PDB file of N, CA and C in Angstrom:
ATOM      1  N   MET A   1       6.726 -12.504  19.728  1.00  0.00           N
ATOM      2  CA  MET A   1       6.735 -10.908  19.542  1.00  0.00           C
ATOM      3  C   MET A   1       7.933 -10.344  20.025  1.00  0.00           C
ATOM      4  N   ASP A   2       8.707  -9.917  19.344  1.00  0.00           N
ATOM      5  CA  ASP A   2      10.100  -9.032  19.634  1.00  0.00           C
ATOM      6  C   ASP A   2       9.779  -7.946  20.118  1.00  0.00           C
ATOM      7  N   LYS A   3      10.175  -7.116  21.113  1.00  0.00           N
ATOM      8  CA  LYS A   3      10.230  -5.492  21.059  1.00  0.00           C
ATOM      9  C   LYS A   3      11.012  -4.927  21.524  1.00  0.00           C
ATOM     10  N   ILE A   4      10.930  -4.155  21.102  1.00  0.00           N
ATOM     11  CA  ILE A   4      12.390  -2.724  20.962  1.00  0.00           C
ATOM     12  C   ILE A   4      11.583  -1.362  21.264  1.00  0.00           C
ATOM     13  N   GLY A   5      12.745  -0.445  21.523  1.00  0.00           N
ATOM     14  CA  GLY A   5      12.347   1.083  21.887  1.00  0.00           C
ATOM     15  C   GLY A   5      12.163   1.642  20.666  1.00  0.00           C
ATOM     16  N   ALA A   6      11.279   2.776  20.889  1.00  0.00           N
ATOM     17  CA  ALA A   6      10.638   4.311  20.107  1.00  0.00           C
ATOM     18  C   ALA A   6      12.861   3.964  19.549  1.00  0.00           C
ATOM     19  N   TYR A   7      12.982   4.990  20.268  1.00  0.00           N
ATOM     20  CA  TYR A   7      14.691   5.570  18.954  1.00  0.00           C
ATOM     21  C   TYR A   7      15.163   4.418  18.754  1.00  0.00           C
ATOM     22  N   GLU A   8      14.975   2.986  19.262  1.00  0.00           N
ATOM     23  CA  GLU A   8      16.163   1.727  18.077  1.00  0.00           C
ATOM     24  C   GLU A   8      15.248   1.443  17.109  1.00  0.00           C
ATOM     25  N   ALA A   9      13.738   2.009  17.510  1.00  0.00           N
ATOM     26  CA  ALA A   9      13.416   1.352  16.377  1.00  0.00           C
ATOM     27  C   ALA A   9      12.695   2.629  15.150  1.00  0.00           C
ATOM     28  N   LYS A  10      13.360   4.209  15.287  1.00  0.00           N
ATOM     29  CA  LYS A  10      13.511   4.969  14.197  1.00  0.00           C
ATOM     30  C   LYS A  10      14.796   4.470  13.510  1.00  0.00           C
ATOM     31  N   THR A  11      15.883   4.317  14.472  1.00  0.00           N
ATOM     32  CA  THR A  11      17.096   4.018  13.669  1.00  0.00           C
ATOM     33  C   THR A  11      17.525   3.207  13.086  1.00  0.00           C
ATOM     34  N   HIS A  12      16.707   1.681  13.159  1.00  0.00           N
ATOM     35  CA  HIS A  12      16.841   1.001  12.550  1.00  0.00           C
ATOM     36  C   HIS A  12      15.402   0.015  11.830  1.00  0.00           C
ATOM     37  N   LEU A  13      14.750   1.458  11.893  1.00  0.00           N
ATOM     38  CA  LEU A  13      13.726   0.866  10.402  1.00  0.00           C
ATOM     39  C   LEU A  13      13.502   0.350   9.504  1.00  0.00           C
ATOM     40  N   PRO A  14      14.384   0.344   8.734  1.00  0.00           N
ATOM     41  CA  PRO A  14      14.676  -0.441   6.990  1.00  0.00           C
ATOM     42  C   PRO A  14      14.819  -2.297   7.559  1.00  0.00           C
ATOM     43  N   LYS A  15      15.706  -2.393   8.968  1.00  0.00           N
ATOM     44  CA  LYS A  15      16.223  -3.468   8.914  1.00  0.00           C
ATOM     45  C   LYS A  15      14.394  -3.722   9.469  1.00  0.00           C
ATOM     46  N   LEU A  16      13.801  -3.493  10.824  1.00  0.00           N
ATOM     47  CA  LEU A  16      12.779  -3.563  11.204  1.00  0.00           C
ATOM     48  C   LEU A  16      12.018  -4.132   9.954  1.00  0.00           C
ATOM     49  N   LEU A  17      11.522  -3.217   9.084  1.00  0.00           N
ATOM     50  CA  LEU A  17      10.585  -3.985   8.100  1.00  0.00           C
ATOM     51  C   LEU A  17      11.062  -4.840   7.158  1.00  0.00           C
ATOM     52  N   GLU A  18      12.269  -5.315   6.912  1.00  0.00           N
ATOM     53  CA  GLU A  18      12.565  -6.414   6.038  1.00  0.00           C
ATOM     54  C   GLU A  18      12.040  -7.271   7.662  1.00  0.00           C
ATOM     55  N   ARG A  19      12.758  -6.791   8.499  1.00  0.00           N
ATOM     56  CA  ARG A  19      12.026  -8.604   9.060  1.00  0.00           C
ATOM     57  C   ARG A  19      10.286  -8.257   9.971  1.00  0.00           C
ATOM     58  N   VAL A  20       9.874  -7.658   9.018  1.00  0.00           N
ATOM     59  CA  VAL A  20       8.079  -7.449   9.085  1.00  0.00           C
ATOM     60  C   VAL A  20       7.544  -8.085   7.456  1.00  0.00           C
ATOM     61  N   ILE A  21       8.655  -8.136   6.775  1.00  0.00           N
ATOM     62  CA  ILE A  21       8.382  -8.848   5.135  1.00  0.00           C
ATOM     63  C   ILE A  21       8.482  -9.872   5.287  1.00  0.00           C
ATOM     64  N   LYS A  22       9.473 -10.614   6.265  1.00  0.00           N
ATOM     65  CA  LYS A  22       9.415 -12.069   6.727  1.00  0.00           C
ATOM     66  C   LYS A  22       8.447 -12.555   7.219  1.00  0.00           C
ATOM     67  N   GLY A  23       7.654 -11.401   7.973  1.00  0.00           N
ATOM     68  CA  GLY A  23       6.385 -12.238   8.610  1.00  0.00           C
ATOM     69  C   GLY A  23       6.677 -11.972   9.977  1.00  0.00           C
ATOM     70  N   GLU A  24       7.326 -11.779  10.628  1.00  0.00           N
ATOM     71  CA  GLU A  24       7.567 -11.169  11.749  1.00  0.00           C
ATOM     72  C   GLU A  24       7.049  -9.889  12.456  1.00  0.00           C
ATOM     73  N   ARG A  25       6.220  -9.933  14.060  1.00  0.00           N
ATOM     74  CA  ARG A  25       5.381  -9.077  14.044  1.00  0.00           C
ATOM     75  C   ARG A  25       6.747  -8.488  15.067  1.00  0.00           C
ATOM     76  N   ILE A  26       6.578  -7.357  15.531  1.00  0.00           N
ATOM     77  CA  ILE A  26       7.402  -6.134  16.388  1.00  0.00           C
ATOM     78  C   ILE A  26       6.766  -5.048  17.551  1.00  0.00           C
ATOM     79  N   THR A  27       6.111  -5.400  18.086  1.00  0.00           N
ATOM     80  CA  THR A  27       6.080  -4.628  19.136  1.00  0.00           C
ATOM     81  C   THR A  27       6.985  -3.209  19.236  1.00  0.00           C
ATOM     82  N   ILE A  28       6.610  -1.972  19.408  1.00  0.00           N
ATOM     83  CA  ILE A  28       7.353  -0.368  19.611  1.00  0.00           C
ATOM     84  C   ILE A  28       6.877  -0.102  20.751  1.00  0.00           C
ATOM     85  N   THR A  29       7.872   0.531  21.662  1.00  0.00           N
ATOM     86  CA  THR A  29       7.523   1.092  23.379  1.00  0.00           C
ATOM     87  C   THR A  29       8.503   1.990  23.078  1.00  0.00           C
ATOM     88  N   LYS A  30       7.380   2.646  24.872  1.00  0.00           N
ATOM     89  CA  LYS A  30       8.381   4.313  24.409  1.00  0.00           C
ATOM     90  C   LYS A  30       7.699   3.863  26.203  1.00  0.00           C
ATOM     91  N   HIS A  31       9.238   4.337  26.784  1.00  0.00           N
ATOM     92  CA  HIS A  31       9.340   4.548  28.053  1.00  0.00           C
ATOM     93  C   HIS A  31       8.880   2.411  28.631  1.00  0.00           C
ATOM     94  N   GLY A  32       8.781   1.942  27.916  1.00  0.00           N
ATOM     95  CA  GLY A  32       8.397   0.260  28.145  1.00  0.00           C
ATOM     96  C   GLY A  32       7.354   0.217  28.108  1.00  0.00           C
ATOM     97  N   LEU A  33       6.114   0.706  27.355  1.00  0.00           N
ATOM     98  CA  LEU A  33       4.999   0.651  27.462  1.00  0.00           C
ATOM     99  C   LEU A  33       4.838   0.681  26.085  1.00  0.00           C
ATOM    100  N   PRO A  34       4.099  -0.488  25.346  1.00  0.00           N
ATOM    101  CA  PRO A  34       4.005  -0.575  24.032  1.00  0.00           C
ATOM    102  C   PRO A  34       2.932   0.630  24.283  1.00  0.00           C
ATOM    103  N   VAL A  35       3.136   0.879  22.319  1.00  0.00           N
ATOM    104  CA  VAL A  35       2.836   1.762  21.680  1.00  0.00           C
ATOM    105  C   VAL A  35       2.264   1.789  20.300  1.00  0.00           C
ATOM    106  N   ALA A  36       2.959   0.977  19.685  1.00  0.00           N
ATOM    107  CA  ALA A  36       2.933   0.395  18.010  1.00  0.00           C
ATOM    108  C   ALA A  36       3.453  -0.759  17.594  1.00  0.00           C
ATOM    109  N   ILE A  37       2.317  -1.086  16.696  1.00  0.00           N
ATOM    110  CA  ILE A  37       2.845  -3.208  16.201  1.00  0.00           C
ATOM    111  C   ILE A  37       3.291  -2.877  14.972  1.00  0.00           C
ATOM    112  N   LEU A  38       4.482  -3.523  14.815  1.00  0.00           N
ATOM    113  CA  LEU A  38       4.833  -3.507  13.577  1.00  0.00           C
ATOM    114  C   LEU A  38       4.977  -5.119  12.789  1.00  0.00           C
ATOM    115  N   GLN A  39       3.531  -4.896  11.424  1.00  0.00           N
ATOM    116  CA  GLN A  39       3.182  -6.578  11.274  1.00  0.00           C
ATOM    117  C   GLN A  39       2.616  -6.564  10.037  1.00  0.00           C
ATOM    118  N   PRO A  40       3.147  -7.230   9.197  1.00  0.00           N
ATOM    119  CA  PRO A  40       2.686  -7.693   8.129  1.00  0.00           C
ATOM    120  C   PRO A  40       1.276  -7.161   7.760  1.00  0.00           C
ATOM    121  N   PRO A  41       0.570  -6.971   6.443  1.00  0.00           N
ATOM    122  CA  PRO A  41      -0.687  -6.798   6.186  1.00  0.00           C
ATOM    123  C   PRO A  41      -1.056  -7.851   5.758  1.00  0.00           C
ATOM    124  N   PRO A  42      -2.901  -7.660   5.959  1.00  0.00           N
ATOM    125  CA  PRO A  42      -3.120  -8.812   6.022  1.00  0.00           C
ATOM    126  C   PRO A  42      -3.338  -9.689   4.527  1.00  0.00           C
ATOM    127  N   ALA A  43      -3.448 -10.855   4.161  1.00  0.00           N
ATOM    128  CA  ALA A  43      -3.469 -10.995   2.849  1.00  0.00           C
ATOM    129  C   ALA A  43      -4.153 -10.470   2.095  1.00  0.00           C
ATOM    130  N   ALA A  44      -3.885  -9.753   0.780  1.00  0.00           N
ATOM    131  CA  ALA A  44      -4.647  -8.840  -0.230  1.00  0.00           C
ATOM    132  C   ALA A  44      -5.478 -10.437  -1.457  1.00  0.00           C
ATOM    133  N   SER A  45      -6.642 -10.374  -1.153  1.00  0.00           N
ATOM    134  CA  SER A  45      -7.137 -10.891  -2.221  1.00  0.00           C
ATOM    135  C   SER A  45      -6.531 -10.562  -3.461  1.00  0.00           C
ATOM    136  N   ARG A  46      -6.003 -11.441  -4.391  1.00  0.00           N
ATOM    137  CA  ARG A  46      -5.977 -10.521  -5.421  1.00  0.00           C
ATOM    138  C   ARG A  46      -6.974 -11.306  -6.584  1.00  0.00           C
ATOM    139  N   THR A  47      -7.850 -10.449  -7.596  1.00  0.00           N
ATOM    140  CA  THR A  47      -8.439 -10.864  -8.508  1.00  0.00           C
ATOM    141  C   THR A  47      -7.618 -11.193 -10.016  1.00  0.00           C
ATOM    142  N   ALA A  48      -8.325 -11.821 -10.913  1.00  0.00           N
ATOM    143  CA  ALA A  48      -7.437 -12.717 -11.827  1.00  0.00           C
ATOM    144  C   ALA A  48      -7.076 -11.110 -13.104  1.00  0.00           C
ATOM    145  N   PRO A  49      -6.241 -10.781 -13.716  1.00  0.00           N
ATOM    146  CA  PRO A  49      -5.724 -10.243 -14.973  1.00  0.00           C
ATOM    147  C   PRO A  49      -7.186 -10.042 -15.510  1.00  0.00           C
ATOM    148  N   GLU A  50      -7.504 -10.973 -16.205  1.00  0.00           N
ATOM    149  CA  GLU A  50      -8.745 -11.468 -17.357  1.00  0.00           C
ATOM    150  C   GLU A  50     -10.514 -10.859 -17.044  1.00  0.00           C
ATOM    151  N   THR A  51     -10.142 -10.936 -15.540  1.00  0.00           N
ATOM    152  CA  THR A  51     -11.478  -9.968 -14.321  1.00  0.00           C
ATOM    153  C   THR A  51     -11.614  -9.127 -14.925  1.00  0.00           C
ATOM    154  N   VAL A  52      -9.895  -8.009 -14.566  1.00  0.00           N
ATOM    155  CA  VAL A  52      -9.979  -6.455 -14.757  1.00  0.00           C
ATOM    156  C   VAL A  52     -10.198  -6.030 -16.060  1.00  0.00           C
ATOM    157  N   ILE A  53      -9.190  -6.675 -17.032  1.00  0.00           N
ATOM    158  CA  ILE A  53      -9.699  -6.309 -17.939  1.00  0.00           C
ATOM    159  C   ILE A  53     -10.853  -6.568 -18.676  1.00  0.00           C
ATOM    160  N   ALA A  54     -11.870  -7.528 -18.612  1.00  0.00           N
ATOM    161  CA  ALA A  54     -13.305  -7.559 -18.346  1.00  0.00           C
ATOM    162  C   ALA A  54     -13.954  -6.633 -17.399  1.00  0.00           C
ATOM    163  N   GLU A  55     -13.753  -6.017 -16.844  1.00  0.00           N
ATOM    164  CA  GLU A  55     -14.622  -5.608 -15.685  1.00  0.00           C
ATOM    165  C   GLU A  55     -13.937  -4.044 -16.671  1.00  0.00           C
ATOM    166  N   LEU A  56     -12.845  -3.253 -16.955  1.00  0.00           N
ATOM    167  CA  LEU A  56     -12.517  -2.494 -17.554  1.00  0.00           C
ATOM    168  C   LEU A  56     -13.290  -1.792 -18.741  1.00  0.00           C
ATOM    169  N   ARG A  57     -13.371  -3.176 -20.041  1.00  0.00           N
ATOM    170  CA  ARG A  57     -14.010  -2.924 -20.938  1.00  0.00           C
ATOM    171  C   ARG A  57     -15.480  -2.929 -21.150  1.00  0.00           C
ATOM    172  N   LYS A  58     -16.551  -3.051 -19.863  1.00  0.00           N
ATOM    173  CA  LYS A  58     -17.567  -2.645 -19.634  1.00  0.00           C
ATOM    174  C   LYS A  58     -17.755  -1.782 -19.072  1.00  0.00           C
ATOM    175  N   PHE A  59     -16.501  -1.150 -18.239  1.00  0.00           N
ATOM    176  CA  PHE A  59     -16.953   0.178 -17.914  1.00  0.00           C
ATOM    177  C   PHE A  59     -16.773   1.444 -19.233  1.00  0.00           C
ATOM    178  N   ARG A  60     -16.132   0.756 -20.560  1.00  0.00           N
ATOM    179  CA  ARG A  60     -15.746   1.965 -20.774  1.00  0.00           C
ATOM    180  C   ARG A  60     -16.426   1.652 -21.794  1.00  0.00           C
ATOM    181  N   GLU A  61     -17.534   0.884 -22.731  1.00  0.00           N
ATOM    182  CA  GLU A  61     -18.943   0.363 -23.012  1.00  0.00           C
ATOM    183  C   GLU A  61     -19.283   1.379 -22.356  1.00  0.00           C
ATOM    184  N   ARG A  62     -19.948   1.850 -21.000  1.00  0.00           N
ATOM    185  CA  ARG A  62     -20.632   2.585 -20.279  1.00  0.00           C
ATOM    186  C   ARG A  62     -20.301   3.968 -20.166  1.00  0.00           C
ATOM    187  N   HIS A  63     -19.067   4.259 -20.498  1.00  0.00           N
ATOM    188  CA  HIS A  63     -18.031   5.742 -20.645  1.00  0.00           C
ATOM    189  C   HIS A  63     -18.227   6.205 -21.680  1.00  0.00           C
ATOM    190  N   SER A  64     -18.132   7.587 -21.806  1.00  0.00           N
ATOM    191  CA  SER A  64     -17.107   7.863 -23.087  1.00  0.00           C
ATOM    192  C   SER A  64     -16.493   9.138 -22.401  1.00  0.00           C
ATOM    193  N   LEU A  65     -15.884   9.384 -23.428  1.00  0.00           N
ATOM    194  CA  LEU A  65     -14.634  10.892 -23.329  1.00  0.00           C
ATOM    195  C   LEU A  65     -15.463  11.697 -23.964  1.00  0.00           C
ATOM    196  N   LYS A  66     -15.892  11.119 -24.634  1.00  0.00           N
ATOM    197  CA  LYS A  66     -16.645  12.325 -25.568  1.00  0.00           C
ATOM    198  C   LYS A  66     -15.794  13.705 -26.769  1.00  0.00           C
ATOM    199  N   GLY A  67     -14.689  12.451 -27.259  1.00  0.00           N
ATOM    200  CA  GLY A  67     -14.456  13.525 -28.181  1.00  0.00           C
ATOM    201  C   GLY A  67     -12.617  13.962 -27.925  1.00  0.00           C
ATOM    202  N   ILE A  68     -13.025  13.997 -26.380  1.00  0.00           N
ATOM    203  CA  ILE A  68     -11.551  14.493 -25.612  1.00  0.00           C
ATOM    204  C   ILE A  68     -10.617  13.183 -25.160  1.00  0.00           C
ATOM    205  N   SER A  69      -9.569  13.746 -26.069  1.00  0.00           N
ATOM    206  CA  SER A  69      -8.195  12.735 -26.194  1.00  0.00           C
ATOM    207  C   SER A  69      -7.331  12.870 -24.697  1.00  0.00           C
ATOM    208  N   ILE A  70      -7.198  11.582 -24.296  1.00  0.00           N
ATOM    209  CA  ILE A  70      -6.551  11.761 -23.146  1.00  0.00           C
ATOM    210  C   ILE A  70      -5.281  12.478 -23.008  1.00  0.00           C
ATOM    211  N   ARG A  71      -5.025  12.582 -23.732  1.00  0.00           N
ATOM    212  CA  ARG A  71      -3.183  13.990 -23.702  1.00  0.00           C
ATOM    213  C   ARG A  71      -3.922  15.323 -23.146  1.00  0.00           C
ATOM    214  N   ASP A  72      -5.568  15.431 -23.496  1.00  0.00           N
ATOM    215  CA  ASP A  72      -5.725  16.807 -23.295  1.00  0.00           C
ATOM    216  C   ASP A  72      -6.149  16.847 -21.670  1.00  0.00           C
ATOM    217  N   MET A  73      -6.696  15.596 -21.355  1.00  0.00           N
ATOM    218  CA  MET A  73      -6.805  15.554 -20.258  1.00  0.00           C
ATOM    219  C   MET A  73      -5.840  15.737 -19.183  1.00  0.00           C
ATOM    220  N   ILE A  74      -4.704  14.736 -19.083  1.00  0.00           N
ATOM    221  CA  ILE A  74      -3.187  15.093 -18.799  1.00  0.00           C
ATOM    222  C   ILE A  74      -2.650  17.258 -18.507  1.00  0.00           C
ATOM    223  N   GLU A  75      -3.073  17.646 -20.643  1.00  0.00           N
ATOM    224  CA  GLU A  75      -2.761  18.765 -19.766  1.00  0.00           C
ATOM    225  C   GLU A  75      -3.950  18.979 -19.303  1.00  0.00           C
ATOM    226  N   GLU A  76      -5.086  19.262 -19.382  1.00  0.00           N
ATOM    227  CA  GLU A  76      -5.834  19.986 -18.356  1.00  0.00           C
ATOM    228  C   GLU A  76      -5.421  19.985 -16.449  1.00  0.00           C
ATOM    229  N   GLY A  77      -5.295  19.014 -16.886  1.00  0.00           N
ATOM    230  CA  GLY A  77      -4.948  18.113 -15.357  1.00  0.00           C
ATOM    231  C   GLY A  77      -3.226  18.735 -14.571  1.00  0.00           C
ATOM    232  N   ARG A  78      -2.471  19.277 -15.598  1.00  0.00           N
ATOM    233  CA  ARG A  78      -1.682  20.226 -14.955  1.00  0.00           C
ATOM    234  C   ARG A  78      -1.551  21.719 -15.183  1.00  0.00           C
ATOM    235  N   ARG A  79      -2.473  21.954 -15.168  1.00  0.00           N
ATOM    236  CA  ARG A  79      -2.613  23.403 -15.674  1.00  0.00           C
ATOM    237  C   ARG A  79      -3.548  24.068 -13.654  1.00  0.00           C
TER     238      ARG A  79
END
């Protein structure tokens, strides 16, 4: 695990993020003391698209918009 100072981390954040995307862990220090760790997030489990679509269809069967159009809801949200 690489260590880098806070000022340098701020200055080179995009490059550090590219390294993290590739799987590296980087410790950020302030005055030589570790204050943070940049690391990739834990692998998220992906749900199959077919499962998500089936769940959305079940939800729609149980919940109705009661005649309100999506356009009306969007306009209401803008007010």
